[in-house]
Amino acid sequence: MQISVKTSGPYAEALRGAGFRATFGRVALLEGLARAKKSQSADALASMVKGRLDVTNTYRALEALAKAGLVHRVDVGHRHMH
């Protein structure tokens, strides 16, 4: 999936409204989630935003976004979250 990232628009505004900087990686992460047809694992999301966020920072960003209420964490068992 090709993600075209801008630091303006609804995803950037949502990030800023929650007190985050609207970095290319975070905007790409929110855009990837919005485009996904179903829940995505953190590893799948890291693949989507490859080049903008590495795997470690994808996990960190998802955790921060979940705490801020911008994304929802879903525990499906299997020792990983979606």
PDB file of N, CA and C in Angstrom:
ATOM      1  N   MET A   1       0.848  -1.175   0.000  1.00  0.00           N
ATOM      2  CA  MET A   1       0.000   0.000   0.000  1.00  0.00           C
ATOM      3  C   MET A   1       0.891   1.235   0.000  1.00  0.00           C
ATOM      4  N   GLN A   2       0.708   2.108  -0.968  1.00  0.00           N
ATOM      5  CA  GLN A   2       1.463   3.348  -1.044  1.00  0.00           C
ATOM      6  C   GLN A   2       0.766   4.412  -0.203  1.00  0.00           C
ATOM      7  N   ILE A   3       1.516   5.031   0.681  1.00  0.00           N
ATOM      8  CA  ILE A   3       0.952   6.062   1.538  1.00  0.00           C
ATOM      9  C   ILE A   3       1.574   7.398   1.171  1.00  0.00           C
ATOM     10  N   SER A   4       0.733   8.352   0.805  1.00  0.00           N
ATOM     11  CA  SER A   4       1.174   9.701   0.491  1.00  0.00           C
ATOM     12  C   SER A   4       0.989  10.553   1.735  1.00  0.00           C
ATOM     13  N   VAL A   5       2.079  11.014   2.299  1.00  0.00           N
ATOM     14  CA  VAL A   5       2.012  11.678   3.597  1.00  0.00           C
ATOM     15  C   VAL A   5       2.190  13.181   3.467  1.00  0.00           C
ATOM     16  N   LYS A   6       1.339  13.895   4.181  1.00  0.00           N
ATOM     17  CA  LYS A   6       1.432  15.350   4.275  1.00  0.00           C
ATOM     18  C   LYS A   6       1.419  15.710   5.750  1.00  0.00           C
ATOM     19  N   THR A   7       2.073  16.795   6.094  1.00  0.00           N
ATOM     20  CA  THR A   7       2.045  17.223   7.496  1.00  0.00           C
ATOM     21  C   THR A   7       0.925  18.233   7.727  1.00  0.00           C
ATOM     22  N   SER A   8      -0.051  18.230   6.836  1.00  0.00           N
ATOM     23  CA  SER A   8      -1.275  18.995   7.050  1.00  0.00           C
ATOM     24  C   SER A   8      -2.428  18.050   6.749  1.00  0.00           C
ATOM     25  N   GLY A   9      -3.611  18.442   7.109  1.00  0.00           N
ATOM     26  CA  GLY A   9      -4.757  17.575   6.872  1.00  0.00           C
ATOM     27  C   GLY A   9      -5.299  16.996   8.161  1.00  0.00           C
ATOM     28  N   PRO A  10      -6.301  16.136   8.053  1.00  0.00           N
ATOM     29  CA  PRO A  10      -7.005  15.652   9.236  1.00  0.00           C
ATOM     30  C   PRO A  10      -6.143  14.828  10.193  1.00  0.00           C
ATOM     31  N   TYR A  11      -5.219  14.034   9.664  1.00  0.00           N
ATOM     32  CA  TYR A  11      -4.388  13.204  10.553  1.00  0.00           C
ATOM     33  C   TYR A  11      -3.395  14.077  11.314  1.00  0.00           C
ATOM     34  N   ALA A  12      -2.809  15.029  10.621  1.00  0.00           N
ATOM     35  CA  ALA A  12      -1.880  15.951  11.277  1.00  0.00           C
ATOM     36  C   ALA A  12      -2.601  16.789  12.325  1.00  0.00           C
ATOM     37  N   GLU A  13      -3.798  17.235  11.996  1.00  0.00           N
ATOM     38  CA  GLU A  13      -4.570  18.038  12.953  1.00  0.00           C
ATOM     39  C   GLU A  13      -4.959  17.212  14.175  1.00  0.00           C
ATOM     40  N   ALA A  14      -5.323  15.963  13.964  1.00  0.00           N
ATOM     41  CA  ALA A  14      -5.667  15.081  15.085  1.00  0.00           C
ATOM     42  C   ALA A  14      -4.458  14.899  16.009  1.00  0.00           C
ATOM     43  N   LEU A  15      -3.287  14.713  15.410  1.00  0.00           N
ATOM     44  CA  LEU A  15      -2.064  14.575  16.203  1.00  0.00           C
ATOM     45  C   LEU A  15      -1.787  15.835  17.006  1.00  0.00           C
ATOM     46  N   ARG A  16      -1.850  16.975  16.350  1.00  0.00           N
ATOM     47  CA  ARG A  16      -1.590  18.238  17.046  1.00  0.00           C
ATOM     48  C   ARG A  16      -2.625  18.494  18.140  1.00  0.00           C
ATOM     49  N   GLY A  17      -3.872  18.155  17.859  1.00  0.00           N
ATOM     50  CA  GLY A  17      -4.929  18.336  18.846  1.00  0.00           C
ATOM     51  C   GLY A  17      -4.719  17.495  20.097  1.00  0.00           C
ATOM     52  N   ALA A  18      -4.001  16.365  19.941  1.00  0.00           N
ATOM     53  CA  ALA A  18      -3.708  15.489  21.076  1.00  0.00           C
ATOM     54  C   ALA A  18      -2.356  15.818  21.711  1.00  0.00           C
ATOM     55  N   GLY A  19      -1.713  16.886  21.223  1.00  0.00           N
ATOM     56  CA  GLY A  19      -0.456  17.320  21.808  1.00  0.00           C
ATOM     57  C   GLY A  19       0.794  16.714  21.198  1.00  0.00           C
ATOM     58  N   PHE A  20       0.665  16.057  20.037  1.00  0.00           N
ATOM     59  CA  PHE A  20       1.810  15.457  19.356  1.00  0.00           C
ATOM     60  C   PHE A  20       2.300  16.363  18.240  1.00  0.00           C
ATOM     61  N   ARG A  21       3.562  16.188  17.872  1.00  0.00           N
ATOM     62  CA  ARG A  21       4.059  16.798  16.641  1.00  0.00           C
ATOM     63  C   ARG A  21       3.560  15.925  15.493  1.00  0.00           C
ATOM     64  N   ALA A  22       3.208  16.541  14.392  1.00  0.00           N
ATOM     65  CA  ALA A  22       2.712  15.808  13.228  1.00  0.00           C
ATOM     66  C   ALA A  22       3.886  15.412  12.347  1.00  0.00           C
ATOM     67  N   THR A  23       4.644  14.400  12.782  1.00  0.00           N
ATOM     68  CA  THR A  23       5.775  13.919  11.992  1.00  0.00           C
ATOM     69  C   THR A  23       5.275  13.072  10.831  1.00  0.00           C
ATOM     70  N   PHE A  24       6.127  12.914   9.819  1.00  0.00           N
ATOM     71  CA  PHE A  24       5.745  12.088   8.675  1.00  0.00           C
ATOM     72  C   PHE A  24       5.402  10.670   9.121  1.00  0.00           C
ATOM     73  N   GLY A  25       6.168  10.124  10.055  1.00  0.00           N
ATOM     74  CA  GLY A  25       5.917   8.761  10.527  1.00  0.00           C
ATOM     75  C   GLY A  25       4.584   8.612  11.214  1.00  0.00           C
ATOM     76  N   ARG A  26       4.258   9.531  12.109  1.00  0.00           N
ATOM     77  CA  ARG A  26       2.976   9.443  12.826  1.00  0.00           C
ATOM     78  C   ARG A  26       1.800   9.653  11.888  1.00  0.00           C
ATOM     79  N   VAL A  27       1.927  10.612  10.982  1.00  0.00           N
ATOM     80  CA  VAL A  27       0.849  10.852  10.010  1.00  0.00           C
ATOM     81  C   VAL A  27       0.673   9.611   9.129  1.00  0.00           C
ATOM     82  N   ALA A  28       1.783   9.016   8.688  1.00  0.00           N
ATOM     83  CA  ALA A  28       1.711   7.808   7.867  1.00  0.00           C
ATOM     84  C   ALA A  28       1.051   6.669   8.628  1.00  0.00           C
ATOM     85  N   LEU A  29       1.355   6.553   9.910  1.00  0.00           N
ATOM     86  CA  LEU A  29       0.764   5.510  10.740  1.00  0.00           C
ATOM     87  C   LEU A  29      -0.751   5.680  10.828  1.00  0.00           C
ATOM     88  N   LEU A  30      -1.219   6.889  11.111  1.00  0.00           N
ATOM     89  CA  LEU A  30      -2.669   7.124  11.179  1.00  0.00           C
ATOM     90  C   LEU A  30      -3.333   6.908   9.822  1.00  0.00           C
ATOM     91  N   GLU A  31      -2.669   7.339   8.759  1.00  0.00           N
ATOM     92  CA  GLU A  31      -3.239   7.151   7.428  1.00  0.00           C
ATOM     93  C   GLU A  31      -3.323   5.660   7.082  1.00  0.00           C
ATOM     94  N   GLY A  32      -2.287   4.915   7.416  1.00  0.00           N
ATOM     95  CA  GLY A  32      -2.292   3.476   7.166  1.00  0.00           C
ATOM     96  C   GLY A  32      -3.402   2.777   7.915  1.00  0.00           C
ATOM     97  N   LEU A  33      -3.605   3.172   9.169  1.00  0.00           N
ATOM     98  CA  LEU A  33      -4.694   2.593   9.960  1.00  0.00           C
ATOM     99  C   LEU A  33      -6.050   2.940   9.367  1.00  0.00           C
ATOM    100  N   ALA A  34      -6.201   4.172   8.926  1.00  0.00           N
ATOM    101  CA  ALA A  34      -7.484   4.604   8.362  1.00  0.00           C
ATOM    102  C   ALA A  34      -7.790   3.867   7.059  1.00  0.00           C
ATOM    103  N   ARG A  35      -6.775   3.561   6.284  1.00  0.00           N
ATOM    104  CA  ARG A  35      -6.975   2.877   5.003  1.00  0.00           C
ATOM    105  C   ARG A  35      -7.164   1.372   5.151  1.00  0.00           C
ATOM    106  N   ALA A  36      -6.727   0.826   6.266  1.00  0.00           N
ATOM    107  CA  ALA A  36      -6.794  -0.622   6.467  1.00  0.00           C
ATOM    108  C   ALA A  36      -8.248  -1.072   6.538  1.00  0.00           C
ATOM    109  N   LYS A  37      -8.522  -2.204   5.961  1.00  0.00           N
ATOM    110  CA  LYS A  37      -9.881  -2.748   5.956  1.00  0.00           C
ATOM    111  C   LYS A  37     -10.207  -3.475   7.257  1.00  0.00           C
ATOM    112  N   LYS A  38      -9.171  -3.839   8.030  1.00  0.00           N
ATOM    113  CA  LYS A  38      -9.362  -4.557   9.284  1.00  0.00           C
ATOM    114  C   LYS A  38      -8.232  -4.198  10.234  1.00  0.00           C
ATOM    115  N   SER A  39      -8.278  -4.705  11.433  1.00  0.00           N
ATOM    116  CA  SER A  39      -7.225  -4.461  12.407  1.00  0.00           C
ATOM    117  C   SER A  39      -5.887  -4.916  11.851  1.00  0.00           C
ATOM    118  N   GLN A  40      -4.843  -4.179  12.194  1.00  0.00           N
ATOM    119  CA  GLN A  40      -3.503  -4.495  11.720  1.00  0.00           C
ATOM    120  C   GLN A  40      -2.572  -4.712  12.898  1.00  0.00           C
ATOM    121  N   SER A  41      -1.660  -5.650  12.778  1.00  0.00           N
ATOM    122  CA  SER A  41      -0.650  -5.837  13.819  1.00  0.00           C
ATOM    123  C   SER A  41       0.368  -4.705  13.717  1.00  0.00           C
ATOM    124  N   ALA A  42       1.092  -4.494  14.793  1.00  0.00           N
ATOM    125  CA  ALA A  42       2.122  -3.464  14.787  1.00  0.00           C
ATOM    126  C   ALA A  42       3.182  -3.767  13.732  1.00  0.00           C
ATOM    127  N   ASP A  43       3.505  -5.037  13.556  1.00  0.00           N
ATOM    128  CA  ASP A  43       4.490  -5.404  12.538  1.00  0.00           C
ATOM    129  C   ASP A  43       3.985  -5.089  11.128  1.00  0.00           C
ATOM    130  N   ALA A  44       2.709  -5.349  10.867  1.00  0.00           N
ATOM    131  CA  ALA A  44       2.139  -5.030   9.553  1.00  0.00           C
ATOM    132  C   ALA A  44       2.146  -3.524   9.320  1.00  0.00           C
ATOM    133  N   LEU A  45       1.826  -2.775  10.367  1.00  0.00           N
ATOM    134  CA  LEU A  45       1.855  -1.318  10.248  1.00  0.00           C
ATOM    135  C   LEU A  45       3.277  -0.817  10.019  1.00  0.00           C
ATOM    136  N   ALA A  46       4.246  -1.425  10.689  1.00  0.00           N
ATOM    137  CA  ALA A  46       5.646  -1.035  10.489  1.00  0.00           C
ATOM    138  C   ALA A  46       6.051  -1.248   9.031  1.00  0.00           C
ATOM    139  N   SER A  47       5.551  -2.316   8.422  1.00  0.00           N
ATOM    140  CA  SER A  47       5.839  -2.560   7.005  1.00  0.00           C
ATOM    141  C   SER A  47       5.206  -1.486   6.130  1.00  0.00           C
ATOM    142  N   MET A  48       4.001  -1.061   6.493  1.00  0.00           N
ATOM    143  CA  MET A  48       3.306  -0.023   5.723  1.00  0.00           C
ATOM    144  C   MET A  48       4.048   1.302   5.738  1.00  0.00           C
ATOM    145  N   VAL A  49       4.645   1.632   6.873  1.00  0.00           N
ATOM    146  CA  VAL A  49       5.293   2.941   7.024  1.00  0.00           C
ATOM    147  C   VAL A  49       6.815   2.838   6.935  1.00  0.00           C
ATOM    148  N   LYS A  50       7.284   1.728   6.390  1.00  0.00           N
ATOM    149  CA  LYS A  50       8.730   1.510   6.266  1.00  0.00           C
ATOM    150  C   LYS A  50       9.384   2.710   5.582  1.00  0.00           C
ATOM    151  N   GLY A  51      10.467   3.163   6.147  1.00  0.00           N
ATOM    152  CA  GLY A  51      11.140   4.341   5.619  1.00  0.00           C
ATOM    153  C   GLY A  51      10.737   5.606   6.340  1.00  0.00           C
ATOM    154  N   ARG A  52       9.626   5.550   7.053  1.00  0.00           N
ATOM    155  CA  ARG A  52       9.182   6.703   7.839  1.00  0.00           C
ATOM    156  C   ARG A  52       9.305   6.422   9.332  1.00  0.00           C
ATOM    157  N   LEU A  53       9.042   5.186   9.729  1.00  0.00           N
ATOM    158  CA  LEU A  53       9.221   4.733  11.109  1.00  0.00           C
ATOM    159  C   LEU A  53       9.804   3.331  11.079  1.00  0.00           C
ATOM    160  N   ASP A  54      10.734   3.052  11.982  1.00  0.00           N
ATOM    161  CA  ASP A  54      11.212   1.676  12.098  1.00  0.00           C
ATOM    162  C   ASP A  54      10.265   0.915  13.023  1.00  0.00           C
ATOM    163  N   VAL A  55      10.497  -0.380  13.196  1.00  0.00           N
ATOM    164  CA  VAL A  55       9.589  -1.222  13.974  1.00  0.00           C
ATOM    165  C   VAL A  55       9.485  -0.731  15.423  1.00  0.00           C
ATOM    166  N   THR A  56      10.617  -0.432  16.046  1.00  0.00           N
ATOM    167  CA  THR A  56      10.611   0.017  17.439  1.00  0.00           C
ATOM    168  C   THR A  56       9.806   1.293  17.604  1.00  0.00           C
ATOM    169  N   ASN A  57      10.038   2.262  16.725  1.00  0.00           N
ATOM    170  CA  ASN A  57       9.304   3.522  16.830  1.00  0.00           C
ATOM    171  C   ASN A  57       7.841   3.379  16.441  1.00  0.00           C
ATOM    172  N   THR A  58       7.513   2.398  15.611  1.00  0.00           N
ATOM    173  CA  THR A  58       6.108   2.114  15.320  1.00  0.00           C
ATOM    174  C   THR A  58       5.398   1.661  16.586  1.00  0.00           C
ATOM    175  N   TYR A  59       6.018   0.740  17.322  1.00  0.00           N
ATOM    176  CA  TYR A  59       5.437   0.284  18.594  1.00  0.00           C
ATOM    177  C   TYR A  59       5.294   1.445  19.581  1.00  0.00           C
ATOM    178  N   ARG A  60       6.322   2.263  19.679  1.00  0.00           N
ATOM    179  CA  ARG A  60       6.270   3.414  20.607  1.00  0.00           C
ATOM    180  C   ARG A  60       5.175   4.393  20.210  1.00  0.00           C
ATOM    181  N   ALA A  61       5.078   4.684  18.926  1.00  0.00           N
ATOM    182  CA  ALA A  61       4.053   5.614  18.450  1.00  0.00           C
ATOM    183  C   ALA A  61       2.658   5.051  18.700  1.00  0.00           C
ATOM    184  N   LEU A  62       2.457   3.768  18.431  1.00  0.00           N
ATOM    185  CA  LEU A  62       1.142   3.160  18.660  1.00  0.00           C
ATOM    186  C   LEU A  62       0.756   3.221  20.131  1.00  0.00           C
ATOM    187  N   GLU A  63       1.708   2.948  21.010  1.00  0.00           N
ATOM    188  CA  GLU A  63       1.435   3.007  22.450  1.00  0.00           C
ATOM    189  C   GLU A  63       1.028   4.427  22.863  1.00  0.00           C
ATOM    190  N   ALA A  64       1.759   5.414  22.386  1.00  0.00           N
ATOM    191  CA  ALA A  64       1.447   6.812  22.717  1.00  0.00           C
ATOM    192  C   ALA A  64       0.101   7.230  22.130  1.00  0.00           C
ATOM    193  N   LEU A  65      -0.169   6.829  20.899  1.00  0.00           N
ATOM    194  CA  LEU A  65      -1.439   7.177  20.259  1.00  0.00           C
ATOM    195  C   LEU A  65      -2.607   6.500  20.961  1.00  0.00           C
ATOM    196  N   ALA A  66      -2.407   5.288  21.435  1.00  0.00           N
ATOM    197  CA  ALA A  66      -3.460   4.589  22.183  1.00  0.00           C
ATOM    198  C   ALA A  66      -3.732   5.292  23.505  1.00  0.00           C
ATOM    199  N   LYS A  67      -2.681   5.697  24.212  1.00  0.00           N
ATOM    200  CA  LYS A  67      -2.870   6.420  25.480  1.00  0.00           C
ATOM    201  C   LYS A  67      -3.606   7.731  25.270  1.00  0.00           C
ATOM    202  N   ALA A  68      -3.382   8.367  24.123  1.00  0.00           N
ATOM    203  CA  ALA A  68      -4.048   9.639  23.817  1.00  0.00           C
ATOM    204  C   ALA A  68      -5.455   9.431  23.265  1.00  0.00           C
ATOM    205  N   GLY A  69      -5.845   8.178  23.008  1.00  0.00           N
ATOM    206  CA  GLY A  69      -7.187   7.893  22.505  1.00  0.00           C
ATOM    207  C   GLY A  69      -7.343   8.056  21.004  1.00  0.00           C
ATOM    208  N   LEU A  70      -6.235   8.198  20.278  1.00  0.00           N
ATOM    209  CA  LEU A  70      -6.327   8.357  18.826  1.00  0.00           C
ATOM    210  C   LEU A  70      -6.463   7.026  18.104  1.00  0.00           C
ATOM    211  N   VAL A  71      -5.989   5.955  18.714  1.00  0.00           N
ATOM    212  CA  VAL A  71      -6.154   4.603  18.161  1.00  0.00           C
ATOM    213  C   VAL A  71      -6.597   3.696  19.293  1.00  0.00           C
ATOM    214  N   HIS A  72      -7.151   2.568  18.929  1.00  0.00           N
ATOM    215  CA  HIS A  72      -7.594   1.605  19.928  1.00  0.00           C
ATOM    216  C   HIS A  72      -6.749   0.346  19.827  1.00  0.00           C
ATOM    217  N   ARG A  73      -6.376  -0.144  20.968  1.00  0.00           N
ATOM    218  CA  ARG A  73      -5.578  -1.358  21.047  1.00  0.00           C
ATOM    219  C   ARG A  73      -6.525  -2.536  21.227  1.00  0.00           C
ATOM    220  N   VAL A  74      -6.341  -3.568  20.428  1.00  0.00           N
ATOM    221  CA  VAL A  74      -7.200  -4.746  20.482  1.00  0.00           C
ATOM    222  C   VAL A  74      -6.343  -5.954  20.815  1.00  0.00           C
ATOM    223  N   ASP A  75      -6.661  -6.616  21.921  1.00  0.00           N
ATOM    224  CA  ASP A  75      -5.937  -7.819  22.315  1.00  0.00           C
ATOM    225  C   ASP A  75      -6.666  -9.023  21.736  1.00  0.00           C
ATOM    226  N   VAL A  76      -6.022  -9.692  20.794  1.00  0.00           N
ATOM    227  CA  VAL A  76      -6.634 -10.854  20.166  1.00  0.00           C
ATOM    228  C   VAL A  76      -5.988 -12.146  20.644  1.00  0.00           C
ATOM    229  N   GLY A  77      -5.260 -12.060  21.749  1.00  0.00           N
ATOM    230  CA  GLY A  77      -4.550 -13.234  22.238  1.00  0.00           C
ATOM    231  C   GLY A  77      -3.271 -13.424  21.446  1.00  0.00           C
ATOM    232  N   HIS A  78      -2.809 -14.609  21.390  1.00  0.00           N
ATOM    233  CA  HIS A  78      -1.619 -14.943  20.601  1.00  0.00           C
ATOM    234  C   HIS A  78      -0.405 -14.100  20.970  1.00  0.00           C
ATOM    235  N   ARG A  79      -0.444 -13.469  22.133  1.00  0.00           N
ATOM    236  CA  ARG A  79       0.668 -12.658  22.644  1.00  0.00           C
ATOM    237  C   ARG A  79       0.985 -11.429  21.803  1.00  0.00           C
ATOM    238  N   HIS A  80       0.048 -10.935  21.039  1.00  0.00           N
ATOM    239  CA  HIS A  80       0.281  -9.679  20.355  1.00  0.00           C
ATOM    240  C   HIS A  80      -1.013  -8.896  20.259  1.00  0.00           C
ATOM    241  N   MET A  81      -0.859  -7.625  19.992  1.00  0.00           N
ATOM    242  CA  MET A  81      -1.998  -6.716  19.945  1.00  0.00           C
ATOM    243  C   MET A  81      -2.231  -6.234  18.510  1.00  0.00           C
ATOM    244  N   HIS A  82      -3.461  -5.835  18.247  1.00  0.00           N
ATOM    245  CA  HIS A  82      -3.839  -5.232  16.961  1.00  0.00           C
ATOM    246  C   HIS A  82      -4.443  -3.879  17.258  1.00  0.00           C
TER     247      HIS A  82
END
